[in-house]
């Protein structure tokens, strides 16, 4: 069963600096995690009423199984991605992980 890690990043003080670090440093680090099958990001837009989104970026990393997730995140590459978080995610990040299934 596929297994996913979802990272939900709070709004940073400096969105341009966050995006630069994420795109140029963090995403390339995360893309090297062994066993990673897919890696998508979304930068939420304004709500239907025009209000600012609660979060700045949502990343979803998918692995073949919980075992593959554990091995990948426990690897040197997985640890490098985790160790990079304090370098740009000072406003906070929520990490969720668990099994996933396609609905459509």
PDB file of N, CA and C in Angstrom:
ATOM      1  N   UNK A   1       0.851  -1.184   0.000  1.00  0.00           N
ATOM      2  CA  UNK A   1       0.000   0.000   0.000  1.00  0.00           C
ATOM      3  C   UNK A   1       0.891   1.239   0.000  1.00  0.00           C
ATOM      4  N   UNK A   2       0.620   2.220  -0.864  1.00  0.00           N
ATOM      5  CA  UNK A   2       1.412   3.446  -0.876  1.00  0.00           C
ATOM      6  C   UNK A   2       1.390   4.131   0.490  1.00  0.00           C
ATOM      7  N   UNK A   3       2.454   4.827   0.764  1.00  0.00           N
ATOM      8  CA  UNK A   3       2.620   5.524   2.035  1.00  0.00           C
ATOM      9  C   UNK A   3       3.088   6.938   1.719  1.00  0.00           C
ATOM     10  N   UNK A   4       2.480   7.938   2.368  1.00  0.00           N
ATOM     11  CA  UNK A   4       2.795   9.324   2.050  1.00  0.00           C
ATOM     12  C   UNK A   4       3.269  10.109   3.259  1.00  0.00           C
ATOM     13  N   UNK A   5       4.142  11.055   2.972  1.00  0.00           N
ATOM     14  CA  UNK A   5       4.519  12.091   3.923  1.00  0.00           C
ATOM     15  C   UNK A   5       3.964  13.387   3.356  1.00  0.00           C
ATOM     16  N   UNK A   6       3.222  14.122   4.175  1.00  0.00           N
ATOM     17  CA  UNK A   6       2.688  15.420   3.776  1.00  0.00           C
ATOM     18  C   UNK A   6       3.289  16.474   4.695  1.00  0.00           C
ATOM     19  N   UNK A   7       3.914  17.482   4.105  1.00  0.00           N
ATOM     20  CA  UNK A   7       4.508  18.587   4.863  1.00  0.00           C
ATOM     21  C   UNK A   7       3.700  19.844   4.560  1.00  0.00           C
ATOM     22  N   UNK A   8       3.174  20.479   5.602  1.00  0.00           N
ATOM     23  CA  UNK A   8       2.347  21.668   5.464  1.00  0.00           C
ATOM     24  C   UNK A   8       3.087  22.826   6.125  1.00  0.00           C
ATOM     25  N   UNK A   9       3.545  23.765   5.308  1.00  0.00           N
ATOM     26  CA  UNK A   9       4.377  24.869   5.784  1.00  0.00           C
ATOM     27  C   UNK A   9       3.539  26.101   6.074  1.00  0.00           C
ATOM     28  N   UNK A  10       3.747  26.685   7.254  1.00  0.00           N
ATOM     29  CA  UNK A  10       3.082  27.937   7.629  1.00  0.00           C
ATOM     30  C   UNK A  10       3.592  29.080   6.755  1.00  0.00           C
ATOM     31  N   UNK A  11       2.865  30.180   6.780  1.00  0.00           N
ATOM     32  CA  UNK A  11       3.262  31.368   6.030  1.00  0.00           C
ATOM     33  C   UNK A  11       4.572  31.926   6.602  1.00  0.00           C
ATOM     34  N   UNK A  12       5.623  32.020   5.796  1.00  0.00           N
ATOM     35  CA  UNK A  12       6.892  32.563   6.291  1.00  0.00           C
ATOM     36  C   UNK A  12       6.876  34.088   6.327  1.00  0.00           C
ATOM     37  N   UNK A  13       7.791  34.665   7.092  1.00  0.00           N
ATOM     38  CA  UNK A  13       7.933  36.124   7.115  1.00  0.00           C
ATOM     39  C   UNK A  13       8.375  36.640   5.750  1.00  0.00           C
ATOM     40  N   UNK A  14       9.283  35.918   5.118  1.00  0.00           N
ATOM     41  CA  UNK A  14       9.831  36.321   3.827  1.00  0.00           C
ATOM     42  C   UNK A  14       9.557  35.208   2.812  1.00  0.00           C
ATOM     43  N   UNK A  15       8.444  35.326   2.111  1.00  0.00           N
ATOM     44  CA  UNK A  15       8.026  34.275   1.176  1.00  0.00           C
ATOM     45  C   UNK A  15       9.041  34.074   0.055  1.00  0.00           C
ATOM     46  N   UNK A  16       9.642  35.141  -0.433  1.00  0.00           N
ATOM     47  CA  UNK A  16      10.611  35.018  -1.523  1.00  0.00           C
ATOM     48  C   UNK A  16      11.836  34.226  -1.073  1.00  0.00           C
ATOM     49  N   UNK A  17      12.335  34.493   0.133  1.00  0.00           N
ATOM     50  CA  UNK A  17      13.495  33.757   0.650  1.00  0.00           C
ATOM     51  C   UNK A  17      13.132  32.297   0.891  1.00  0.00           C
ATOM     52  N   UNK A  18      11.933  32.055   1.430  1.00  0.00           N
ATOM     53  CA  UNK A  18      11.471  30.677   1.641  1.00  0.00           C
ATOM     54  C   UNK A  18      11.441  29.938   0.309  1.00  0.00           C
ATOM     55  N   UNK A  19      10.780  30.532  -0.682  1.00  0.00           N
ATOM     56  CA  UNK A  19      10.636  29.875  -1.985  1.00  0.00           C
ATOM     57  C   UNK A  19      11.982  29.611  -2.639  1.00  0.00           C
ATOM     58  N   UNK A  20      12.895  30.555  -2.543  1.00  0.00           N
ATOM     59  CA  UNK A  20      14.226  30.376  -3.136  1.00  0.00           C
ATOM     60  C   UNK A  20      14.932  29.188  -2.486  1.00  0.00           C
ATOM     61  N   UNK A  21      14.930  29.134  -1.170  1.00  0.00           N
ATOM     62  CA  UNK A  21      15.593  28.024  -0.473  1.00  0.00           C
ATOM     63  C   UNK A  21      14.887  26.701  -0.775  1.00  0.00           C
ATOM     64  N   UNK A  22      13.567  26.723  -0.721  1.00  0.00           N
ATOM     65  CA  UNK A  22      12.820  25.485  -0.968  1.00  0.00           C
ATOM     66  C   UNK A  22      13.108  24.954  -2.372  1.00  0.00           C
ATOM     67  N   UNK A  23      12.998  25.811  -3.361  1.00  0.00           N
ATOM     68  CA  UNK A  23      13.158  25.388  -4.753  1.00  0.00           C
ATOM     69  C   UNK A  23      14.599  25.022  -5.107  1.00  0.00           C
ATOM     70  N   UNK A  24      15.567  25.757  -4.562  1.00  0.00           N
ATOM     71  CA  UNK A  24      16.958  25.560  -4.961  1.00  0.00           C
ATOM     72  C   UNK A  24      17.742  24.603  -4.064  1.00  0.00           C
ATOM     73  N   UNK A  25      17.293  24.439  -2.814  1.00  0.00           N
ATOM     74  CA  UNK A  25      18.045  23.604  -1.873  1.00  0.00           C
ATOM     75  C   UNK A  25      17.206  22.426  -1.367  1.00  0.00           C
ATOM     76  N   UNK A  26      16.077  22.730  -0.741  1.00  0.00           N
ATOM     77  CA  UNK A  26      15.325  21.676  -0.056  1.00  0.00           C
ATOM     78  C   UNK A  26      14.700  20.658  -1.016  1.00  0.00           C
ATOM     79  N   UNK A  27      14.010  21.125  -2.036  1.00  0.00           N
ATOM     80  CA  UNK A  27      13.377  20.182  -2.963  1.00  0.00           C
ATOM     81  C   UNK A  27      14.408  19.259  -3.620  1.00  0.00           C
ATOM     82  N   UNK A  28      15.560  19.767  -4.078  1.00  0.00           N
ATOM     83  CA  UNK A  28      16.565  18.856  -4.632  1.00  0.00           C
ATOM     84  C   UNK A  28      17.081  17.838  -3.602  1.00  0.00           C
ATOM     85  N   UNK A  29      17.194  18.243  -2.334  1.00  0.00           N
ATOM     86  CA  UNK A  29      17.595  17.289  -1.295  1.00  0.00           C
ATOM     87  C   UNK A  29      16.537  16.203  -1.142  1.00  0.00           C
ATOM     88  N   UNK A  30      15.279  16.618  -1.016  1.00  0.00           N
ATOM     89  CA  UNK A  30      14.191  15.659  -0.817  1.00  0.00           C
ATOM     90  C   UNK A  30      14.030  14.731  -2.019  1.00  0.00           C
ATOM     91  N   UNK A  31      14.275  15.246  -3.199  1.00  0.00           N
ATOM     92  CA  UNK A  31      14.121  14.434  -4.416  1.00  0.00           C
ATOM     93  C   UNK A  31      15.114  13.270  -4.464  1.00  0.00           C
ATOM     94  N   UNK A  32      16.165  13.340  -3.673  1.00  0.00           N
ATOM     95  CA  UNK A  32      17.187  12.287  -3.648  1.00  0.00           C
ATOM     96  C   UNK A  32      16.885  11.176  -2.648  1.00  0.00           C
ATOM     97  N   UNK A  33      15.795  11.292  -1.885  1.00  0.00           N
ATOM     98  CA  UNK A  33      15.483  10.284  -0.872  1.00  0.00           C
ATOM     99  C   UNK A  33      15.222   8.942  -1.571  1.00  0.00           C
ATOM    100  N   UNK A  34      15.957   7.904  -1.181  1.00  0.00           N
ATOM    101  CA  UNK A  34      15.760   6.593  -1.812  1.00  0.00           C
ATOM    102  C   UNK A  34      14.326   6.080  -1.638  1.00  0.00           C
ATOM    103  N   UNK A  35      13.814   5.475  -2.683  1.00  0.00           N
ATOM    104  CA  UNK A  35      12.471   4.893  -2.632  1.00  0.00           C
ATOM    105  C   UNK A  35      11.348   5.870  -2.908  1.00  0.00           C
ATOM    106  N   UNK A  36      11.664   7.130  -3.105  1.00  0.00           N
ATOM    107  CA  UNK A  36      10.644   8.143  -3.379  1.00  0.00           C
ATOM    108  C   UNK A  36      10.041   7.885  -4.757  1.00  0.00           C
ATOM    109  N   UNK A  37       8.729   7.707  -4.810  1.00  0.00           N
ATOM    110  CA  UNK A  37       8.047   7.442  -6.084  1.00  0.00           C
ATOM    111  C   UNK A  37       7.507   8.703  -6.724  1.00  0.00           C
ATOM    112  N   UNK A  38       7.016   9.634  -5.914  1.00  0.00           N
ATOM    113  CA  UNK A  38       6.541  10.905  -6.449  1.00  0.00           C
ATOM    114  C   UNK A  38       6.692  11.974  -5.380  1.00  0.00           C
ATOM    115  N   UNK A  39       6.776  13.218  -5.849  1.00  0.00           N
ATOM    116  CA  UNK A  39       6.993  14.362  -4.966  1.00  0.00           C
ATOM    117  C   UNK A  39       6.281  15.525  -5.630  1.00  0.00           C
ATOM    118  N   UNK A  40       5.201  15.992  -5.015  1.00  0.00           N
ATOM    119  CA  UNK A  40       4.455  17.119  -5.567  1.00  0.00           C
ATOM    120  C   UNK A  40       4.399  18.241  -4.530  1.00  0.00           C
ATOM    121  N   UNK A  41       4.299  19.470  -5.046  1.00  0.00           N
ATOM    122  CA  UNK A  41       4.107  20.614  -4.157  1.00  0.00           C
ATOM    123  C   UNK A  41       2.955  21.465  -4.685  1.00  0.00           C
ATOM    124  N   UNK A  42       2.353  22.185  -3.754  1.00  0.00           N
ATOM    125  CA  UNK A  42       1.299  23.134  -4.089  1.00  0.00           C
ATOM    126  C   UNK A  42       1.508  24.379  -3.241  1.00  0.00           C
ATOM    127  N   UNK A  43       1.393  25.509  -3.883  1.00  0.00           N
ATOM    128  CA  UNK A  43       1.409  26.780  -3.162  1.00  0.00           C
ATOM    129  C   UNK A  43      -0.027  27.313  -3.204  1.00  0.00           C
ATOM    130  N   UNK A  44      -0.761  27.144  -2.094  1.00  0.00           N
ATOM    131  CA  UNK A  44      -2.177  27.514  -2.095  1.00  0.00           C
ATOM    132  C   UNK A  44      -2.399  28.980  -2.457  1.00  0.00           C
ATOM    133  N   UNK A  45      -3.478  29.211  -3.184  1.00  0.00           N
ATOM    134  CA  UNK A  45      -3.883  30.565  -3.550  1.00  0.00           C
ATOM    135  C   UNK A  45      -4.908  31.087  -2.571  1.00  0.00           C
ATOM    136  N   UNK A  46      -5.396  32.268  -2.807  1.00  0.00           N
ATOM    137  CA  UNK A  46      -6.410  32.867  -1.932  1.00  0.00           C
ATOM    138  C   UNK A  46      -7.675  32.004  -1.866  1.00  0.00           C
ATOM    139  N   UNK A  47      -8.387  32.125  -0.750  1.00  0.00           N
ATOM    140  CA  UNK A  47      -9.653  31.421  -0.591  1.00  0.00           C
ATOM    141  C   UNK A  47     -10.716  32.015  -1.499  1.00  0.00           C
ATOM    142  N   UNK A  48     -11.879  31.373  -1.559  1.00  0.00           N
ATOM    143  CA  UNK A  48     -12.960  31.859  -2.426  1.00  0.00           C
ATOM    144  C   UNK A  48     -13.368  33.299  -2.150  1.00  0.00           C
ATOM    145  N   UNK A  49     -13.163  33.734  -0.911  1.00  0.00           N
ATOM    146  CA  UNK A  49     -13.523  35.107  -0.550  1.00  0.00           C
ATOM    147  C   UNK A  49     -12.344  36.072  -0.706  1.00  0.00           C
ATOM    148  N   UNK A  50     -11.231  35.578  -1.250  1.00  0.00           N
ATOM    149  CA  UNK A  50     -10.055  36.416  -1.443  1.00  0.00           C
ATOM    150  C   UNK A  50      -9.118  36.451  -0.255  1.00  0.00           C
ATOM    151  N   UNK A  51      -9.460  35.736   0.811  1.00  0.00           N
ATOM    152  CA  UNK A  51      -8.613  35.744   2.004  1.00  0.00           C
ATOM    153  C   UNK A  51      -7.302  35.002   1.741  1.00  0.00           C
ATOM    154  N   UNK A  52      -6.269  35.413   2.464  1.00  0.00           N
ATOM    155  CA  UNK A  52      -4.959  34.785   2.320  1.00  0.00           C
ATOM    156  C   UNK A  52      -5.029  33.328   2.762  1.00  0.00           C
ATOM    157  N   UNK A  53      -4.302  32.450   2.081  1.00  0.00           N
ATOM    158  CA  UNK A  53      -4.309  31.045   2.481  1.00  0.00           C
ATOM    159  C   UNK A  53      -3.643  30.863   3.844  1.00  0.00           C
ATOM    160  N   UNK A  54      -4.100  29.881   4.581  1.00  0.00           N
ATOM    161  CA  UNK A  54      -3.540  29.609   5.907  1.00  0.00           C
ATOM    162  C   UNK A  54      -2.115  29.074   5.815  1.00  0.00           C
ATOM    163  N   UNK A  55      -1.783  28.425   4.703  1.00  0.00           N
ATOM    164  CA  UNK A  55      -0.473  27.793   4.549  1.00  0.00           C
ATOM    165  C   UNK A  55       0.216  28.290   3.281  1.00  0.00           C
ATOM    166  N   UNK A  56       1.538  28.259   3.299  1.00  0.00           N
ATOM    167  CA  UNK A  56       2.317  28.750   2.169  1.00  0.00           C
ATOM    168  C   UNK A  56       2.596  27.654   1.144  1.00  0.00           C
ATOM    169  N   UNK A  57       2.881  26.442   1.604  1.00  0.00           N
ATOM    170  CA  UNK A  57       3.249  25.375   0.695  1.00  0.00           C
ATOM    171  C   UNK A  57       2.859  24.044   1.306  1.00  0.00           C
ATOM    172  N   UNK A  58       2.405  23.135   0.450  1.00  0.00           N
ATOM    173  CA  UNK A  58       2.089  21.769   0.865  1.00  0.00           C
ATOM    174  C   UNK A  58       2.870  20.835  -0.048  1.00  0.00           C
ATOM    175  N   UNK A  59       3.644  19.940   0.549  1.00  0.00           N
ATOM    176  CA  UNK A  59       4.424  18.965  -0.214  1.00  0.00           C
ATOM    177  C   UNK A  59       3.928  17.568   0.122  1.00  0.00           C
ATOM    178  N   UNK A  60       3.827  16.719  -0.893  1.00  0.00           N
ATOM    179  CA  UNK A  60       3.411  15.336  -0.699  1.00  0.00           C
ATOM    180  C   UNK A  60       4.456  14.434  -1.332  1.00  0.00           C
ATOM    181  N   UNK A  61       5.059  13.582  -0.509  1.00  0.00           N
ATOM    182  CA  UNK A  61       6.050  12.616  -0.961  1.00  0.00           C
ATOM    183  C   UNK A  61       5.445  11.231  -0.827  1.00  0.00           C
ATOM    184  N   UNK A  62       5.497  10.443  -1.892  1.00  0.00           N
ATOM    185  CA  UNK A  62       4.872   9.130  -1.894  1.00  0.00           C
ATOM    186  C   UNK A  62       5.927   8.039  -2.057  1.00  0.00           C
ATOM    187  N   UNK A  63       5.769   6.997  -1.245  1.00  0.00           N
ATOM    188  CA  UNK A  63       6.639   5.835  -1.259  1.00  0.00           C
ATOM    189  C   UNK A  63       5.798   4.595  -1.522  1.00  0.00           C
ATOM    190  N   UNK A  64       6.428   3.511  -1.945  1.00  0.00           N
ATOM    191  CA  UNK A  64       5.708   2.271  -2.261  1.00  0.00           C
ATOM    192  C   UNK A  64       5.022   1.676  -1.038  1.00  0.00           C
ATOM    193  N   UNK A  65       5.641   1.811   0.127  1.00  0.00           N
ATOM    194  CA  UNK A  65       5.125   1.167   1.334  1.00  0.00           C
ATOM    195  C   UNK A  65       5.655   1.899   2.565  1.00  0.00           C
ATOM    196  N   UNK A  66       5.120   1.533   3.719  1.00  0.00           N
ATOM    197  CA  UNK A  66       5.623   2.105   4.967  1.00  0.00           C
ATOM    198  C   UNK A  66       7.086   1.727   5.176  1.00  0.00           C
ATOM    199  N   UNK A  67       7.441   0.516   4.774  1.00  0.00           N
ATOM    200  CA  UNK A  67       8.828   0.067   4.907  1.00  0.00           C
ATOM    201  C   UNK A  67       9.757   0.912   4.035  1.00  0.00           C
ATOM    202  N   UNK A  68       9.334   1.194   2.794  1.00  0.00           N
ATOM    203  CA  UNK A  68      10.136   2.026   1.899  1.00  0.00           C
ATOM    204  C   UNK A  68      10.256   3.444   2.454  1.00  0.00           C
ATOM    205  N   UNK A  69       9.176   3.950   3.035  1.00  0.00           N
ATOM    206  CA  UNK A  69       9.198   5.263   3.677  1.00  0.00           C
ATOM    207  C   UNK A  69      10.229   5.286   4.806  1.00  0.00           C
ATOM    208  N   UNK A  70      10.167   4.281   5.678  1.00  0.00           N
ATOM    209  CA  UNK A  70      11.093   4.216   6.806  1.00  0.00           C
ATOM    210  C   UNK A  70      12.542   4.142   6.354  1.00  0.00           C
ATOM    211  N   UNK A  71      12.798   3.327   5.337  1.00  0.00           N
ATOM    212  CA  UNK A  71      14.161   3.196   4.823  1.00  0.00           C
ATOM    213  C   UNK A  71      14.622   4.502   4.193  1.00  0.00           C
ATOM    214  N   UNK A  72      13.772   5.124   3.407  1.00  0.00           N
ATOM    215  CA  UNK A  72      14.141   6.371   2.745  1.00  0.00           C
ATOM    216  C   UNK A  72      14.390   7.492   3.728  1.00  0.00           C
ATOM    217  N   UNK A  73      13.488   7.654   4.682  1.00  0.00           N
ATOM    218  CA  UNK A  73      13.644   8.735   5.647  1.00  0.00           C
ATOM    219  C   UNK A  73      14.792   8.461   6.615  1.00  0.00           C
ATOM    220  N   UNK A  74      15.133   7.196   6.811  1.00  0.00           N
ATOM    221  CA  UNK A  74      16.243   6.834   7.679  1.00  0.00           C
ATOM    222  C   UNK A  74      17.597   6.890   6.989  1.00  0.00           C
ATOM    223  N   UNK A  75      17.584   7.116   5.692  1.00  0.00           N
ATOM    224  CA  UNK A  75      18.829   7.174   4.922  1.00  0.00           C
ATOM    225  C   UNK A  75      19.536   8.508   5.143  1.00  0.00           C
ATOM    226  N   UNK A  76      20.777   8.586   4.669  1.00  0.00           N
ATOM    227  CA  UNK A  76      21.531   9.842   4.750  1.00  0.00           C
ATOM    228  C   UNK A  76      20.805  10.954   3.998  1.00  0.00           C
ATOM    229  N   UNK A  77      20.209  10.628   2.853  1.00  0.00           N
ATOM    230  CA  UNK A  77      19.482  11.626   2.059  1.00  0.00           C
ATOM    231  C   UNK A  77      18.225  12.104   2.786  1.00  0.00           C
ATOM    232  N   UNK A  78      17.508  11.171   3.419  1.00  0.00           N
ATOM    233  CA  UNK A  78      16.322  11.544   4.190  1.00  0.00           C
ATOM    234  C   UNK A  78      16.690  12.437   5.360  1.00  0.00           C
ATOM    235  N   UNK A  79      17.778  12.089   6.044  1.00  0.00           N
ATOM    236  CA  UNK A  79      18.226  12.882   7.181  1.00  0.00           C
ATOM    237  C   UNK A  79      18.683  14.268   6.749  1.00  0.00           C
ATOM    238  N   UNK A  80      19.322  14.350   5.571  1.00  0.00           N
ATOM    239  CA  UNK A  80      19.766  15.661   5.065  1.00  0.00           C
ATOM    240  C   UNK A  80      18.566  16.564   4.825  1.00  0.00           C
ATOM    241  N   UNK A  81      17.477  16.011   4.289  1.00  0.00           N
ATOM    242  CA  UNK A  81      16.274  16.809   4.052  1.00  0.00           C
ATOM    243  C   UNK A  81      15.667  17.276   5.373  1.00  0.00           C
ATOM    244  N   UNK A  82      15.602  16.392   6.354  1.00  0.00           N
ATOM    245  CA  UNK A  82      15.066  16.756   7.668  1.00  0.00           C
ATOM    246  C   UNK A  82      15.956  17.810   8.323  1.00  0.00           C
ATOM    247  N   UNK A  83      17.261  17.619   8.243  1.00  0.00           N
ATOM    248  CA  UNK A  83      18.206  18.562   8.864  1.00  0.00           C
ATOM    249  C   UNK A  83      18.150  19.950   8.228  1.00  0.00           C
ATOM    250  N   UNK A  84      17.660  20.033   6.990  1.00  0.00           N
ATOM    251  CA  UNK A  84      17.569  21.322   6.303  1.00  0.00           C
ATOM    252  C   UNK A  84      16.371  22.155   6.757  1.00  0.00           C
ATOM    253  N   UNK A  85      15.374  21.553   7.363  1.00  0.00           N
ATOM    254  CA  UNK A  85      14.151  22.272   7.733  1.00  0.00           C
ATOM    255  C   UNK A  85      14.413  23.554   8.531  1.00  0.00           C
ATOM    256  N   UNK A  86      15.280  23.557   9.544  1.00  0.00           N
ATOM    257  CA  UNK A  86      15.491  24.800  10.296  1.00  0.00           C
ATOM    258  C   UNK A  86      16.089  25.937   9.459  1.00  0.00           C
ATOM    259  N   UNK A  87      16.633  25.604   8.302  1.00  0.00           N
ATOM    260  CA  UNK A  87      17.258  26.625   7.456  1.00  0.00           C
ATOM    261  C   UNK A  87      16.251  27.510   6.721  1.00  0.00           C
ATOM    262  N   UNK A  88      14.977  27.102   6.675  1.00  0.00           N
ATOM    263  CA  UNK A  88      14.006  27.906   5.935  1.00  0.00           C
ATOM    264  C   UNK A  88      12.595  27.849   6.519  1.00  0.00           C
ATOM    265  N   UNK A  89      12.287  26.892   7.364  1.00  0.00           N
ATOM    266  CA  UNK A  89      10.910  26.693   7.843  1.00  0.00           C
ATOM    267  C   UNK A  89      10.720  27.218   9.261  1.00  0.00           C
ATOM    268  N   UNK A  90      11.278  28.385   9.528  1.00  0.00           N
ATOM    269  CA  UNK A  90      11.187  28.969  10.864  1.00  0.00           C
ATOM    270  C   UNK A  90       9.781  29.300  11.312  1.00  0.00           C
ATOM    271  N   UNK A  91       8.866  29.498  10.379  1.00  0.00           N
ATOM    272  CA  UNK A  91       7.480  29.811  10.736  1.00  0.00           C
ATOM    273  C   UNK A  91       6.711  28.560  11.151  1.00  0.00           C
ATOM    274  N   UNK A  92       7.319  27.389  10.916  1.00  0.00           N
ATOM    275  CA  UNK A  92       6.703  26.137  11.338  1.00  0.00           C
ATOM    276  C   UNK A  92       6.251  25.275  10.180  1.00  0.00           C
ATOM    277  N   UNK A  93       6.305  23.988  10.412  1.00  0.00           N
ATOM    278  CA  UNK A  93       5.864  22.998   9.441  1.00  0.00           C
ATOM    279  C   UNK A  93       5.204  21.852  10.202  1.00  0.00           C
ATOM    280  N   UNK A  94       4.118  21.364   9.664  1.00  0.00           N
ATOM    281  CA  UNK A  94       3.448  20.198  10.218  1.00  0.00           C
ATOM    282  C   UNK A  94       3.729  19.034   9.283  1.00  0.00           C
ATOM    283  N   UNK A  95       4.220  17.933   9.840  1.00  0.00           N
ATOM    284  CA  UNK A  95       4.529  16.743   9.062  1.00  0.00           C
ATOM    285  C   UNK A  95       3.523  15.663   9.432  1.00  0.00           C
ATOM    286  N   UNK A  96       2.853  15.139   8.425  1.00  0.00           N
ATOM    287  CA  UNK A  96       1.894  14.044   8.605  1.00  0.00           C
ATOM    288  C   UNK A  96       2.359  12.884   7.731  1.00  0.00           C
ATOM    289  N   UNK A  97       2.193  11.662   8.202  1.00  0.00           N
ATOM    290  CA  UNK A  97       2.505  10.533   7.347  1.00  0.00           C
ATOM    291  C   UNK A  97       1.551   9.381   7.642  1.00  0.00           C
ATOM    292  N   UNK A  98       1.316   8.598   6.600  1.00  0.00           N
ATOM    293  CA  UNK A  98       0.437   7.458   6.741  1.00  0.00           C
ATOM    294  C   UNK A  98       0.122   6.819   5.409  1.00  0.00           C
ATOM    295  N   UNK A  99      -0.581   5.705   5.444  1.00  0.00           N
ATOM    296  CA  UNK A  99      -0.944   5.020   4.205  1.00  0.00           C
ATOM    297  C   UNK A  99      -1.893   5.873   3.378  1.00  0.00           C
ATOM    298  N   UNK A 100      -1.836   5.687   2.070  1.00  0.00           N
ATOM    299  CA  UNK A 100      -2.716   6.455   1.186  1.00  0.00           C
ATOM    300  C   UNK A 100      -3.374   5.514   0.187  1.00  0.00           C
ATOM    301  N   UNK A 101      -4.495   5.980  -0.348  1.00  0.00           N
ATOM    302  CA  UNK A 101      -5.172   5.224  -1.399  1.00  0.00           C
ATOM    303  C   UNK A 101      -5.819   6.210  -2.344  1.00  0.00           C
ATOM    304  N   UNK A 102      -5.872   5.831  -3.586  1.00  0.00           N
ATOM    305  CA  UNK A 102      -6.513   6.683  -4.589  1.00  0.00           C
ATOM    306  C   UNK A 102      -8.022   6.577  -4.447  1.00  0.00           C
ATOM    307  N   UNK A 103      -8.698   7.683  -4.541  1.00  0.00           N
ATOM    308  CA  UNK A 103     -10.157   7.717  -4.487  1.00  0.00           C
ATOM    309  C   UNK A 103     -10.725   7.786  -5.900  1.00  0.00           C
ATOM    310  N   UNK A 104     -10.076   8.543  -6.747  1.00  0.00           N
ATOM    311  CA  UNK A 104     -10.503   8.673  -8.148  1.00  0.00           C
ATOM    312  C   UNK A 104      -9.338   8.305  -9.030  1.00  0.00           C
TER     313      UNK A 104
END
